[in-house]
């Protein structure tokens, strides 16, 4: 499950990187790259059967900060869409962001559970 979720997160990170590359700030791009880096490290650890170390957990904390940023942005998009009664392009962004947030949070939980056992 952790391996499949890592591949999903890598794909979502690439999609977000393409979306935010031209009109995103440096912080957003850095957060997206941290998601890709964590998932790459998790895949390497799983393939080589290495234990997770402090860098994995540090990147998990950074990714949870990114989840907070995405959640705030998602709330603002939904509020604006409701206020102006316009959901044309918003549904795609809402769906993509919700899946990305959920996958990062579940990934964090699975890494934490792997560490605990």
PDB file of N, CA and C in Angstrom:
ATOM      1  N   UNK A   1       0.823  -1.194   0.000  1.00  0.00           N
ATOM      2  CA  UNK A   1       0.000   0.000   0.000  1.00  0.00           C
ATOM      3  C   UNK A   1       0.870   1.262   0.000  1.00  0.00           C
ATOM      4  N   UNK A   2       1.922   1.240   0.819  1.00  0.00           N
ATOM      5  CA  UNK A   2       2.800   2.401   0.910  1.00  0.00           C
ATOM      6  C   UNK A   2       3.499   2.670  -0.421  1.00  0.00           C
ATOM      7  N   UNK A   3       3.863   1.608  -1.116  1.00  0.00           N
ATOM      8  CA  UNK A   3       4.537   1.752  -2.406  1.00  0.00           C
ATOM      9  C   UNK A   3       3.594   2.358  -3.451  1.00  0.00           C
ATOM     10  N   UNK A   4       2.365   1.857  -3.517  1.00  0.00           N
ATOM     11  CA  UNK A   4       1.394   2.388  -4.480  1.00  0.00           C
ATOM     12  C   UNK A   4       1.059   3.839  -4.173  1.00  0.00           C
ATOM     13  N   UNK A   5       0.930   4.149  -2.890  1.00  0.00           N
ATOM     14  CA  UNK A   5       0.630   5.517  -2.493  1.00  0.00           C
ATOM     15  C   UNK A   5       1.799   6.451  -2.815  1.00  0.00           C
ATOM     16  N   UNK A   6       3.011   5.943  -2.711  1.00  0.00           N
ATOM     17  CA  UNK A   6       4.181   6.750  -3.070  1.00  0.00           C
ATOM     18  C   UNK A   6       4.179   7.082  -4.558  1.00  0.00           C
ATOM     19  N   UNK A   7       3.831   6.102  -5.382  1.00  0.00           N
ATOM     20  CA  UNK A   7       3.738   6.370  -6.821  1.00  0.00           C
ATOM     21  C   UNK A   7       2.615   7.362  -7.127  1.00  0.00           C
ATOM     22  N   UNK A   8       1.484   7.237  -6.439  1.00  0.00           N
ATOM     23  CA  UNK A   8       0.380   8.188  -6.627  1.00  0.00           C
ATOM     24  C   UNK A   8       0.821   9.588  -6.229  1.00  0.00           C
ATOM     25  N   UNK A   9       1.490   9.711  -5.092  1.00  0.00           N
ATOM     26  CA  UNK A   9       1.956  11.021  -4.647  1.00  0.00           C
ATOM     27  C   UNK A   9       2.980  11.618  -5.607  1.00  0.00           C
ATOM     28  N   UNK A  10       3.833  10.785  -6.173  1.00  0.00           N
ATOM     29  CA  UNK A  10       4.786  11.294  -7.171  1.00  0.00           C
ATOM     30  C   UNK A  10       4.056  11.842  -8.391  1.00  0.00           C
ATOM     31  N   UNK A  11       3.056  11.117  -8.853  1.00  0.00           N
ATOM     32  CA  UNK A  11       2.266  11.592  -9.991  1.00  0.00           C
ATOM     33  C   UNK A  11       1.527  12.880  -9.682  1.00  0.00           C
ATOM     34  N   UNK A  12       0.949  12.953  -8.492  1.00  0.00           N
ATOM     35  CA  UNK A  12       0.236  14.169  -8.096  1.00  0.00           C
ATOM     36  C   UNK A  12       1.210  15.338  -7.934  1.00  0.00           C
ATOM     37  N   UNK A  13       2.393  15.069  -7.409  1.00  0.00           N
ATOM     38  CA  UNK A  13       3.395  16.126  -7.254  1.00  0.00           C
ATOM     39  C   UNK A  13       3.822  16.669  -8.615  1.00  0.00           C
ATOM     40  N   UNK A  14       3.975  15.790  -9.580  1.00  0.00           N
ATOM     41  CA  UNK A  14       4.330  16.239 -10.934  1.00  0.00           C
ATOM     42  C   UNK A  14       3.205  17.088 -11.518  1.00  0.00           C
ATOM     43  N   UNK A  15       1.960  16.669 -11.319  1.00  0.00           N
ATOM     44  CA  UNK A  15       0.817  17.442 -11.823  1.00  0.00           C
ATOM     45  C   UNK A  15       0.775  18.826 -11.172  1.00  0.00           C
ATOM     46  N   UNK A  16       0.973  18.887  -9.875  1.00  0.00           N
ATOM     47  CA  UNK A  16       0.989  20.179  -9.188  1.00  0.00           C
ATOM     48  C   UNK A  16       2.186  21.015  -9.599  1.00  0.00           C
ATOM     49  N   UNK A  17       3.316  20.388  -9.824  1.00  0.00           N
ATOM     50  CA  UNK A  17       4.505  21.110 -10.262  1.00  0.00           C
ATOM     51  C   UNK A  17       4.242  21.796 -11.599  1.00  0.00           C
ATOM     52  N   UNK A  18       3.598  21.092 -12.500  1.00  0.00           N
ATOM     53  CA  UNK A  18       3.272  21.673 -13.807  1.00  0.00           C
ATOM     54  C   UNK A  18       2.282  22.826 -13.641  1.00  0.00           C
ATOM     55  N   UNK A  19       1.305  22.667 -12.738  1.00  0.00           N
ATOM     56  CA  UNK A  19       0.309  23.724 -12.533  1.00  0.00           C
ATOM     57  C   UNK A  19       0.918  24.966 -11.891  1.00  0.00           C
ATOM     58  N   UNK A  20       1.804  24.790 -10.915  1.00  0.00           N
ATOM     59  CA  UNK A  20       2.319  25.919 -10.151  1.00  0.00           C
ATOM     60  C   UNK A  20       3.646  26.452 -10.660  1.00  0.00           C
ATOM     61  N   UNK A  21       4.241  25.830 -11.649  1.00  0.00           N
ATOM     62  CA  UNK A  21       5.567  26.233 -12.106  1.00  0.00           C
ATOM     63  C   UNK A  21       5.574  27.655 -12.650  1.00  0.00           C
ATOM     64  N   UNK A  22       4.574  28.003 -13.427  1.00  0.00           N
ATOM     65  CA  UNK A  22       4.576  29.319 -14.054  1.00  0.00           C
ATOM     66  C   UNK A  22       3.989  30.406 -13.168  1.00  0.00           C
ATOM     67  N   UNK A  23       3.022  30.061 -12.311  1.00  0.00           N
ATOM     68  CA  UNK A  23       2.379  31.111 -11.528  1.00  0.00           C
ATOM     69  C   UNK A  23       2.392  30.822 -10.028  1.00  0.00           C
ATOM     70  N   UNK A  24       3.305  29.991  -9.574  1.00  0.00           N
ATOM     71  CA  UNK A  24       3.407  29.698  -8.151  1.00  0.00           C
ATOM     72  C   UNK A  24       4.644  30.338  -7.554  1.00  0.00           C
ATOM     73  N   UNK A  25       4.644  30.446  -6.250  1.00  0.00           N
ATOM     74  CA  UNK A  25       5.802  31.029  -5.586  1.00  0.00           C
ATOM     75  C   UNK A  25       6.894  29.975  -5.411  1.00  0.00           C
ATOM     76  N   UNK A  26       8.041  30.432  -4.988  1.00  0.00           N
ATOM     77  CA  UNK A  26       9.170  29.531  -4.772  1.00  0.00           C
ATOM     78  C   UNK A  26       8.843  28.540  -3.656  1.00  0.00           C
ATOM     79  N   UNK A  27       8.097  28.991  -2.650  1.00  0.00           N
ATOM     80  CA  UNK A  27       7.749  28.115  -1.527  1.00  0.00           C
ATOM     81  C   UNK A  27       6.874  26.953  -1.969  1.00  0.00           C
ATOM     82  N   UNK A  28       5.914  27.230  -2.829  1.00  0.00           N
ATOM     83  CA  UNK A  28       5.025  26.169  -3.308  1.00  0.00           C
ATOM     84  C   UNK A  28       5.817  25.142  -4.102  1.00  0.00           C
ATOM     85  N   UNK A  29       6.680  25.604  -4.968  1.00  0.00           N
ATOM     86  CA  UNK A  29       7.499  24.689  -5.765  1.00  0.00           C
ATOM     87  C   UNK A  29       8.423  23.880  -4.851  1.00  0.00           C
ATOM     88  N   UNK A  30       8.978  24.508  -3.817  1.00  0.00           N
ATOM     89  CA  UNK A  30       9.840  23.783  -2.869  1.00  0.00           C
ATOM     90  C   UNK A  30       9.045  22.727  -2.114  1.00  0.00           C
ATOM     91  N   UNK A  31       7.821  23.051  -1.712  1.00  0.00           N
ATOM     92  CA  UNK A  31       6.980  22.065  -1.026  1.00  0.00           C
ATOM     93  C   UNK A  31       6.657  20.890  -1.945  1.00  0.00           C
ATOM     94  N   UNK A  32       6.347  21.193  -3.185  1.00  0.00           N
ATOM     95  CA  UNK A  32       6.040  20.125  -4.142  1.00  0.00           C
ATOM     96  C   UNK A  32       7.263  19.226  -4.344  1.00  0.00           C
ATOM     97  N   UNK A  33       8.424  19.841  -4.437  1.00  0.00           N
ATOM     98  CA  UNK A  33       9.644  19.043  -4.585  1.00  0.00           C
ATOM     99  C   UNK A  33       9.937  18.219  -3.328  1.00  0.00           C
ATOM    100  N   UNK A  34       9.548  18.733  -2.157  1.00  0.00           N
ATOM    101  CA  UNK A  34       9.743  17.945  -0.930  1.00  0.00           C
ATOM    102  C   UNK A  34       8.830  16.723  -0.916  1.00  0.00           C
ATOM    103  N   UNK A  35       7.628  16.854  -1.483  1.00  0.00           N
ATOM    104  CA  UNK A  35       6.731  15.697  -1.605  1.00  0.00           C
ATOM    105  C   UNK A  35       7.366  14.654  -2.518  1.00  0.00           C
ATOM    106  N   UNK A  36       7.899  15.103  -3.640  1.00  0.00           N
ATOM    107  CA  UNK A  36       8.544  14.172  -4.571  1.00  0.00           C
ATOM    108  C   UNK A  36       9.773  13.529  -3.932  1.00  0.00           C
ATOM    109  N   UNK A  37      10.550  14.308  -3.202  1.00  0.00           N
ATOM    110  CA  UNK A  37      11.746  13.775  -2.552  1.00  0.00           C
ATOM    111  C   UNK A  37      11.386  12.726  -1.503  1.00  0.00           C
ATOM    112  N   UNK A  38      10.394  13.014  -0.670  1.00  0.00           N
ATOM    113  CA  UNK A  38       9.987  12.044   0.347  1.00  0.00           C
ATOM    114  C   UNK A  38       9.519  10.745  -0.291  1.00  0.00           C
ATOM    115  N   UNK A  39       8.705  10.848  -1.317  1.00  0.00           N
ATOM    116  CA  UNK A  39       8.188   9.639  -1.942  1.00  0.00           C
ATOM    117  C   UNK A  39       9.284   8.855  -2.648  1.00  0.00           C
ATOM    118  N   UNK A  40      10.239   9.547  -3.237  1.00  0.00           N
ATOM    119  CA  UNK A  40      11.383   8.858  -3.825  1.00  0.00           C
ATOM    120  C   UNK A  40      12.211   8.134  -2.771  1.00  0.00           C
ATOM    121  N   UNK A  41      12.415   8.780  -1.625  1.00  0.00           N
ATOM    122  CA  UNK A  41      13.160   8.138  -0.540  1.00  0.00           C
ATOM    123  C   UNK A  41      12.404   6.950   0.045  1.00  0.00           C
ATOM    124  N   UNK A  42      11.090   7.075   0.154  1.00  0.00           N
ATOM    125  CA  UNK A  42      10.283   5.963   0.661  1.00  0.00           C
ATOM    126  C   UNK A  42      10.366   4.781  -0.298  1.00  0.00           C
ATOM    127  N   UNK A  43      10.259   5.046  -1.591  1.00  0.00           N
ATOM    128  CA  UNK A  43      10.359   3.959  -2.568  1.00  0.00           C
ATOM    129  C   UNK A  43      11.727   3.285  -2.512  1.00  0.00           C
ATOM    130  N   UNK A  44      12.777   4.077  -2.374  1.00  0.00           N
ATOM    131  CA  UNK A  44      14.124   3.504  -2.271  1.00  0.00           C
ATOM    132  C   UNK A  44      14.262   2.660  -1.006  1.00  0.00           C
ATOM    133  N   UNK A  45      13.727   3.169   0.094  1.00  0.00           N
ATOM    134  CA  UNK A  45      13.800   2.417   1.353  1.00  0.00           C
ATOM    135  C   UNK A  45      13.021   1.116   1.272  1.00  0.00           C
ATOM    136  N   UNK A  46      11.881   1.145   0.610  1.00  0.00           N
ATOM    137  CA  UNK A  46      11.084  -0.071   0.482  1.00  0.00           C
ATOM    138  C   UNK A  46      11.758  -1.083  -0.437  1.00  0.00           C
ATOM    139  N   UNK A  47      12.336  -0.616  -1.531  1.00  0.00           N
ATOM    140  CA  UNK A  47      12.971  -1.529  -2.476  1.00  0.00           C
ATOM    141  C   UNK A  47      14.242  -2.151  -1.905  1.00  0.00           C
ATOM    142  N   UNK A  48      15.001  -1.367  -1.156  1.00  0.00           N
ATOM    143  CA  UNK A  48      16.254  -1.873  -0.592  1.00  0.00           C
ATOM    144  C   UNK A  48      16.084  -2.373   0.838  1.00  0.00           C
ATOM    145  N   UNK A  49      14.841  -2.371   1.318  1.00  0.00           N
ATOM    146  CA  UNK A  49      14.494  -2.825   2.670  1.00  0.00           C
ATOM    147  C   UNK A  49      15.309  -2.105   3.736  1.00  0.00           C
ATOM    148  N   UNK A  50      15.425  -0.797   3.589  1.00  0.00           N
ATOM    149  CA  UNK A  50      16.117   0.042   4.562  1.00  0.00           C
ATOM    150  C   UNK A  50      15.098   0.619   5.540  1.00  0.00           C
ATOM    151  N   UNK A  51      15.483   0.825   6.785  1.00  0.00           N
ATOM    152  CA  UNK A  51      14.538   1.441   7.731  1.00  0.00           C
ATOM    153  C   UNK A  51      14.408   2.938   7.449  1.00  0.00           C
ATOM    154  N   UNK A  52      13.277   3.486   7.848  1.00  0.00           N
ATOM    155  CA  UNK A  52      13.101   4.929   7.723  1.00  0.00           C
ATOM    156  C   UNK A  52      13.966   5.614   8.775  1.00  0.00           C
ATOM    157  N   UNK A  53      14.512   6.772   8.420  1.00  0.00           N
ATOM    158  CA  UNK A  53      15.350   7.496   9.370  1.00  0.00           C
ATOM    159  C   UNK A  53      14.813   8.912   9.560  1.00  0.00           C
ATOM    160  N   UNK A  54      15.593   9.755  10.182  1.00  0.00           N
ATOM    161  CA  UNK A  54      15.130  11.087  10.562  1.00  0.00           C
ATOM    162  C   UNK A  54      14.764  11.948   9.358  1.00  0.00           C
ATOM    163  N   UNK A  55      15.416  11.757   8.216  1.00  0.00           N
ATOM    164  CA  UNK A  55      15.102  12.580   7.041  1.00  0.00           C
ATOM    165  C   UNK A  55      13.689  12.299   6.541  1.00  0.00           C
ATOM    166  N   UNK A  56      13.250  11.055   6.652  1.00  0.00           N
ATOM    167  CA  UNK A  56      11.884  10.722   6.259  1.00  0.00           C
ATOM    168  C   UNK A  56      10.880  11.476   7.128  1.00  0.00           C
ATOM    169  N   UNK A  57      11.138  11.504   8.420  1.00  0.00           N
ATOM    170  CA  UNK A  57      10.200  12.141   9.345  1.00  0.00           C
ATOM    171  C   UNK A  57      10.254  13.658   9.232  1.00  0.00           C
ATOM    172  N   UNK A  58      11.426  14.204   8.965  1.00  0.00           N
ATOM    173  CA  UNK A  58      11.537  15.642   8.738  1.00  0.00           C
ATOM    174  C   UNK A  58      10.750  16.044   7.492  1.00  0.00           C
ATOM    175  N   UNK A  59      10.893  15.275   6.422  1.00  0.00           N
ATOM    176  CA  UNK A  59      10.142  15.563   5.201  1.00  0.00           C
ATOM    177  C   UNK A  59       8.643  15.347   5.405  1.00  0.00           C
ATOM    178  N   UNK A  60       8.266  14.418   6.275  1.00  0.00           N
ATOM    179  CA  UNK A  60       6.842  14.237   6.600  1.00  0.00           C
ATOM    180  C   UNK A  60       6.275  15.496   7.247  1.00  0.00           C
ATOM    181  N   UNK A  61       7.040  16.107   8.137  1.00  0.00           N
ATOM    182  CA  UNK A  61       6.582  17.343   8.784  1.00  0.00           C
ATOM    183  C   UNK A  61       6.443  18.458   7.757  1.00  0.00           C
ATOM    184  N   UNK A  62       7.411  18.566   6.854  1.00  0.00           N
ATOM    185  CA  UNK A  62       7.332  19.573   5.784  1.00  0.00           C
ATOM    186  C   UNK A  62       6.105  19.314   4.911  1.00  0.00           C
ATOM    187  N   UNK A  63       5.843  18.050   4.599  1.00  0.00           N
ATOM    188  CA  UNK A  63       4.686  17.711   3.774  1.00  0.00           C
ATOM    189  C   UNK A  63       3.377  18.015   4.490  1.00  0.00           C
ATOM    190  N   UNK A  64       3.337  17.837   5.800  1.00  0.00           N
ATOM    191  CA  UNK A  64       2.125  18.189   6.542  1.00  0.00           C
ATOM    192  C   UNK A  64       1.900  19.699   6.547  1.00  0.00           C
ATOM    193  N   UNK A  65       2.972  20.484   6.544  1.00  0.00           N
ATOM    194  CA  UNK A  65       2.827  21.939   6.389  1.00  0.00           C
ATOM    195  C   UNK A  65       2.246  22.263   5.014  1.00  0.00           C
ATOM    196  N   UNK A  66       2.683  21.545   4.005  1.00  0.00           N
ATOM    197  CA  UNK A  66       2.141  21.723   2.653  1.00  0.00           C
ATOM    198  C   UNK A  66       0.664  21.352   2.609  1.00  0.00           C
ATOM    199  N   UNK A  67       0.279  20.307   3.347  1.00  0.00           N
ATOM    200  CA  UNK A  67      -1.134  19.926   3.432  1.00  0.00           C
ATOM    201  C   UNK A  67      -1.947  21.070   4.031  1.00  0.00           C
ATOM    202  N   UNK A  68      -1.407  21.720   5.062  1.00  0.00           N
ATOM    203  CA  UNK A  68      -2.088  22.873   5.645  1.00  0.00           C
ATOM    204  C   UNK A  68      -2.267  23.992   4.637  1.00  0.00           C
ATOM    205  N   UNK A  69      -1.219  24.267   3.869  1.00  0.00           N
ATOM    206  CA  UNK A  69      -1.293  25.293   2.826  1.00  0.00           C
ATOM    207  C   UNK A  69      -2.341  24.932   1.772  1.00  0.00           C
ATOM    208  N   UNK A  70      -2.331  23.672   1.327  1.00  0.00           N
ATOM    209  CA  UNK A  70      -3.309  23.235   0.330  1.00  0.00           C
ATOM    210  C   UNK A  70      -4.730  23.296   0.880  1.00  0.00           C
ATOM    211  N   UNK A  71      -4.898  22.956   2.149  1.00  0.00           N
ATOM    212  CA  UNK A  71      -6.227  22.981   2.757  1.00  0.00           C
ATOM    213  C   UNK A  71      -6.775  24.400   2.833  1.00  0.00           C
ATOM    214  N   UNK A  72      -5.927  25.339   3.214  1.00  0.00           N
ATOM    215  CA  UNK A  72      -6.358  26.740   3.261  1.00  0.00           C
ATOM    216  C   UNK A  72      -6.735  27.220   1.863  1.00  0.00           C
ATOM    217  N   UNK A  73      -5.921  26.898   0.878  1.00  0.00           N
ATOM    218  CA  UNK A  73      -6.238  27.272  -0.500  1.00  0.00           C
ATOM    219  C   UNK A  73      -7.522  26.637  -0.987  1.00  0.00           C
ATOM    220  N   UNK A  74      -7.743  25.391  -0.614  1.00  0.00           N
ATOM    221  CA  UNK A  74      -8.961  24.688  -1.017  1.00  0.00           C
ATOM    222  C   UNK A  74     -10.195  25.335  -0.406  1.00  0.00           C
ATOM    223  N   UNK A  75     -10.109  25.718   0.857  1.00  0.00           N
ATOM    224  CA  UNK A  75     -11.238  26.393   1.513  1.00  0.00           C
ATOM    225  C   UNK A  75     -11.543  27.710   0.818  1.00  0.00           C
ATOM    226  N   UNK A  76     -10.520  28.464   0.461  1.00  0.00           N
ATOM    227  CA  UNK A  76     -10.738  29.742  -0.229  1.00  0.00           C
ATOM    228  C   UNK A  76     -11.362  29.545  -1.612  1.00  0.00           C
ATOM    229  N   UNK A  77     -10.933  28.523  -2.331  1.00  0.00           N
ATOM    230  CA  UNK A  77     -11.514  28.243  -3.649  1.00  0.00           C
ATOM    231  C   UNK A  77     -12.982  27.871  -3.514  1.00  0.00           C
ATOM    232  N   UNK A  78     -13.295  27.019  -2.545  1.00  0.00           N
ATOM    233  CA  UNK A  78     -14.691  26.605  -2.352  1.00  0.00           C
ATOM    234  C   UNK A  78     -15.543  27.802  -1.935  1.00  0.00           C
ATOM    235  N   UNK A  79     -15.038  28.629  -1.014  1.00  0.00           N
ATOM    236  CA  UNK A  79     -15.799  29.807  -0.584  1.00  0.00           C
ATOM    237  C   UNK A  79     -16.030  30.771  -1.745  1.00  0.00           C
ATOM    238  N   UNK A  80     -15.016  30.990  -2.560  1.00  0.00           N
ATOM    239  CA  UNK A  80     -15.174  31.887  -3.714  1.00  0.00           C
ATOM    240  C   UNK A  80     -16.147  31.312  -4.730  1.00  0.00           C
ATOM    241  N   UNK A  81     -16.082  30.004  -4.944  1.00  0.00           N
ATOM    242  CA  UNK A  81     -16.992  29.374  -5.899  1.00  0.00           C
ATOM    243  C   UNK A  81     -18.431  29.470  -5.430  1.00  0.00           C
ATOM    244  N   UNK A  82     -18.656  29.306  -4.141  1.00  0.00           N
ATOM    245  CA  UNK A  82     -20.016  29.423  -3.603  1.00  0.00           C
ATOM    246  C   UNK A  82     -20.480  30.872  -3.652  1.00  0.00           C
ATOM    247  N   UNK A  83     -19.608  31.803  -3.290  1.00  0.00           N
ATOM    248  CA  UNK A  83     -19.972  33.220  -3.275  1.00  0.00           C
ATOM    249  C   UNK A  83     -20.361  33.711  -4.659  1.00  0.00           C
ATOM    250  N   UNK A  84     -19.577  33.370  -5.660  1.00  0.00           N
ATOM    251  CA  UNK A  84     -19.828  33.849  -7.011  1.00  0.00           C
ATOM    252  C   UNK A  84     -20.613  32.861  -7.854  1.00  0.00           C
ATOM    253  N   UNK A  85     -21.041  31.763  -7.248  1.00  0.00           N
ATOM    254  CA  UNK A  85     -21.860  30.747  -7.920  1.00  0.00           C
ATOM    255  C   UNK A  85     -21.219  30.299  -9.240  1.00  0.00           C
ATOM    256  N   UNK A  86     -19.932  30.040  -9.176  1.00  0.00           N
ATOM    257  CA  UNK A  86     -19.213  29.593 -10.363  1.00  0.00           C
ATOM    258  C   UNK A  86     -18.353  28.393 -10.001  1.00  0.00           C
ATOM    259  N   UNK A  87     -18.676  27.253 -10.581  1.00  0.00           N
ATOM    260  CA  UNK A  87     -17.920  26.036 -10.331  1.00  0.00           C
ATOM    261  C   UNK A  87     -17.335  25.465 -11.622  1.00  0.00           C
ATOM    262  N   UNK A  88     -17.188  26.264 -12.659  1.00  0.00           N
ATOM    263  CA  UNK A  88     -16.712  25.775 -13.951  1.00  0.00           C
ATOM    264  C   UNK A  88     -15.409  25.011 -13.868  1.00  0.00           C
ATOM    265  N   UNK A  89     -14.312  25.688 -13.605  1.00  0.00           N
ATOM    266  CA  UNK A  89     -13.003  25.044 -13.485  1.00  0.00           C
ATOM    267  C   UNK A  89     -12.691  24.620 -12.059  1.00  0.00           C
ATOM    268  N   UNK A  90     -13.494  25.040 -11.128  1.00  0.00           N
ATOM    269  CA  UNK A  90     -13.199  24.786  -9.717  1.00  0.00           C
ATOM    270  C   UNK A  90     -13.285  23.315  -9.353  1.00  0.00           C
ATOM    271  N   UNK A  91     -14.198  22.583  -9.968  1.00  0.00           N
ATOM    272  CA  UNK A  91     -14.374  21.179  -9.594  1.00  0.00           C
ATOM    273  C   UNK A  91     -13.114  20.356  -9.825  1.00  0.00           C
ATOM    274  N   UNK A  92     -12.432  20.607 -10.928  1.00  0.00           N
ATOM    275  CA  UNK A  92     -11.204  19.869 -11.211  1.00  0.00           C
ATOM    276  C   UNK A  92     -10.143  20.166 -10.157  1.00  0.00           C
ATOM    277  N   UNK A  93      -9.978  21.437  -9.839  1.00  0.00           N
ATOM    278  CA  UNK A  93      -8.995  21.825  -8.822  1.00  0.00           C
ATOM    279  C   UNK A  93      -9.365  21.262  -7.450  1.00  0.00           C
ATOM    280  N   UNK A  94     -10.650  21.335  -7.093  1.00  0.00           N
ATOM    281  CA  UNK A  94     -11.108  20.820  -5.800  1.00  0.00           C
ATOM    282  C   UNK A  94     -10.859  19.320  -5.712  1.00  0.00           C
ATOM    283  N   UNK A  95     -11.186  18.592  -6.757  1.00  0.00           N
ATOM    284  CA  UNK A  95     -10.989  17.143  -6.757  1.00  0.00           C
ATOM    285  C   UNK A  95      -9.505  16.784  -6.687  1.00  0.00           C
ATOM    286  N   UNK A  96      -8.697  17.413  -7.515  1.00  0.00           N
ATOM    287  CA  UNK A  96      -7.259  17.135  -7.539  1.00  0.00           C
ATOM    288  C   UNK A  96      -6.613  17.452  -6.194  1.00  0.00           C
ATOM    289  N   UNK A  97      -6.955  18.595  -5.631  1.00  0.00           N
ATOM    290  CA  UNK A  97      -6.374  18.994  -4.358  1.00  0.00           C
ATOM    291  C   UNK A  97      -6.836  18.090  -3.221  1.00  0.00           C
ATOM    292  N   UNK A  98      -8.103  17.715  -3.224  1.00  0.00           N
ATOM    293  CA  UNK A  98      -8.617  16.833  -2.170  1.00  0.00           C
ATOM    294  C   UNK A  98      -7.930  15.472  -2.200  1.00  0.00           C
ATOM    295  N   UNK A  99      -7.752  14.919  -3.379  1.00  0.00           N
ATOM    296  CA  UNK A  99      -7.063  13.627  -3.502  1.00  0.00           C
ATOM    297  C   UNK A  99      -5.606  13.760  -3.062  1.00  0.00           C
ATOM    298  N   UNK A 100      -4.967  14.852  -3.439  1.00  0.00           N
ATOM    299  CA  UNK A 100      -3.570  15.070  -3.064  1.00  0.00           C
ATOM    300  C   UNK A 100      -3.426  15.209  -1.548  1.00  0.00           C
ATOM    301  N   UNK A 101      -4.306  15.983  -0.919  1.00  0.00           N
ATOM    302  CA  UNK A 101      -4.277  16.150   0.536  1.00  0.00           C
ATOM    303  C   UNK A 101      -4.484  14.810   1.228  1.00  0.00           C
ATOM    304  N   UNK A 102      -5.489  14.080   0.789  1.00  0.00           N
ATOM    305  CA  UNK A 102      -5.792  12.789   1.401  1.00  0.00           C
ATOM    306  C   UNK A 102      -4.630  11.806   1.244  1.00  0.00           C
ATOM    307  N   UNK A 103      -4.027  11.784   0.061  1.00  0.00           N
ATOM    308  CA  UNK A 103      -2.929  10.835  -0.156  1.00  0.00           C
ATOM    309  C   UNK A 103      -1.699  11.191   0.675  1.00  0.00           C
ATOM    310  N   UNK A 104      -1.421  12.468   0.864  1.00  0.00           N
ATOM    311  CA  UNK A 104      -0.277  12.864   1.693  1.00  0.00           C
ATOM    312  C   UNK A 104      -0.525  12.501   3.156  1.00  0.00           C
ATOM    313  N   UNK A 105      -1.745  12.740   3.636  1.00  0.00           N
ATOM    314  CA  UNK A 105      -2.064  12.425   5.034  1.00  0.00           C
ATOM    315  C   UNK A 105      -2.015  10.914   5.277  1.00  0.00           C
ATOM    316  N   UNK A 106      -2.599  10.131   4.380  1.00  0.00           N
ATOM    317  CA  UNK A 106      -2.564   8.672   4.530  1.00  0.00           C
ATOM    318  C   UNK A 106      -1.126   8.165   4.444  1.00  0.00           C
ATOM    319  N   UNK A 107      -0.333   8.757   3.567  1.00  0.00           N
ATOM    320  CA  UNK A 107       1.077   8.395   3.438  1.00  0.00           C
ATOM    321  C   UNK A 107       1.809   8.650   4.753  1.00  0.00           C
ATOM    322  N   UNK A 108       1.551   9.796   5.367  1.00  0.00           N
ATOM    323  CA  UNK A 108       2.160  10.114   6.658  1.00  0.00           C
ATOM    324  C   UNK A 108       1.763   9.088   7.717  1.00  0.00           C
ATOM    325  N   UNK A 109       0.490   8.737   7.765  1.00  0.00           N
ATOM    326  CA  UNK A 109       0.011   7.759   8.750  1.00  0.00           C
ATOM    327  C   UNK A 109       0.680   6.406   8.535  1.00  0.00           C
ATOM    328  N   UNK A 110       0.785   5.975   7.284  1.00  0.00           N
ATOM    329  CA  UNK A 110       1.421   4.684   7.003  1.00  0.00           C
ATOM    330  C   UNK A 110       2.907   4.685   7.353  1.00  0.00           C
ATOM    331  N   UNK A 111       3.588   5.791   7.097  1.00  0.00           N
ATOM    332  CA  UNK A 111       5.002   5.881   7.472  1.00  0.00           C
ATOM    333  C   UNK A 111       5.133   5.840   8.992  1.00  0.00           C
ATOM    334  N   UNK A 112       4.262   6.550   9.689  1.00  0.00           N
ATOM    335  CA  UNK A 112       4.306   6.549  11.147  1.00  0.00           C
ATOM    336  C   UNK A 112       4.019   5.158  11.706  1.00  0.00           C
ATOM    337  N   UNK A 113       3.038   4.466  11.136  1.00  0.00           N
ATOM    338  CA  UNK A 113       2.734   3.109  11.593  1.00  0.00           C
ATOM    339  C   UNK A 113       3.881   2.149  11.300  1.00  0.00           C
ATOM    340  N   UNK A 114       4.561   2.352  10.178  1.00  0.00           N
ATOM    341  CA  UNK A 114       5.721   1.529   9.845  1.00  0.00           C
ATOM    342  C   UNK A 114       6.847   1.765  10.843  1.00  0.00           C
ATOM    343  N   UNK A 115       6.998   3.005  11.297  1.00  0.00           N
ATOM    344  CA  UNK A 115       8.031   3.349  12.266  1.00  0.00           C
ATOM    345  C   UNK A 115       7.720   2.747  13.629  1.00  0.00           C
ATOM    346  N   UNK A 116       6.448   2.722  13.989  1.00  0.00           N
ATOM    347  CA  UNK A 116       6.043   2.228  15.304  1.00  0.00           C
ATOM    348  C   UNK A 116       6.219   0.722  15.432  1.00  0.00           C
ATOM    349  N   UNK A 117       6.219  -0.001  14.330  1.00  0.00           N
ATOM    350  CA  UNK A 117       6.348  -1.467  14.401  1.00  0.00           C
ATOM    351  C   UNK A 117       7.731  -1.854  14.011  1.00  0.00           C
TER     352      UNK A 117
END
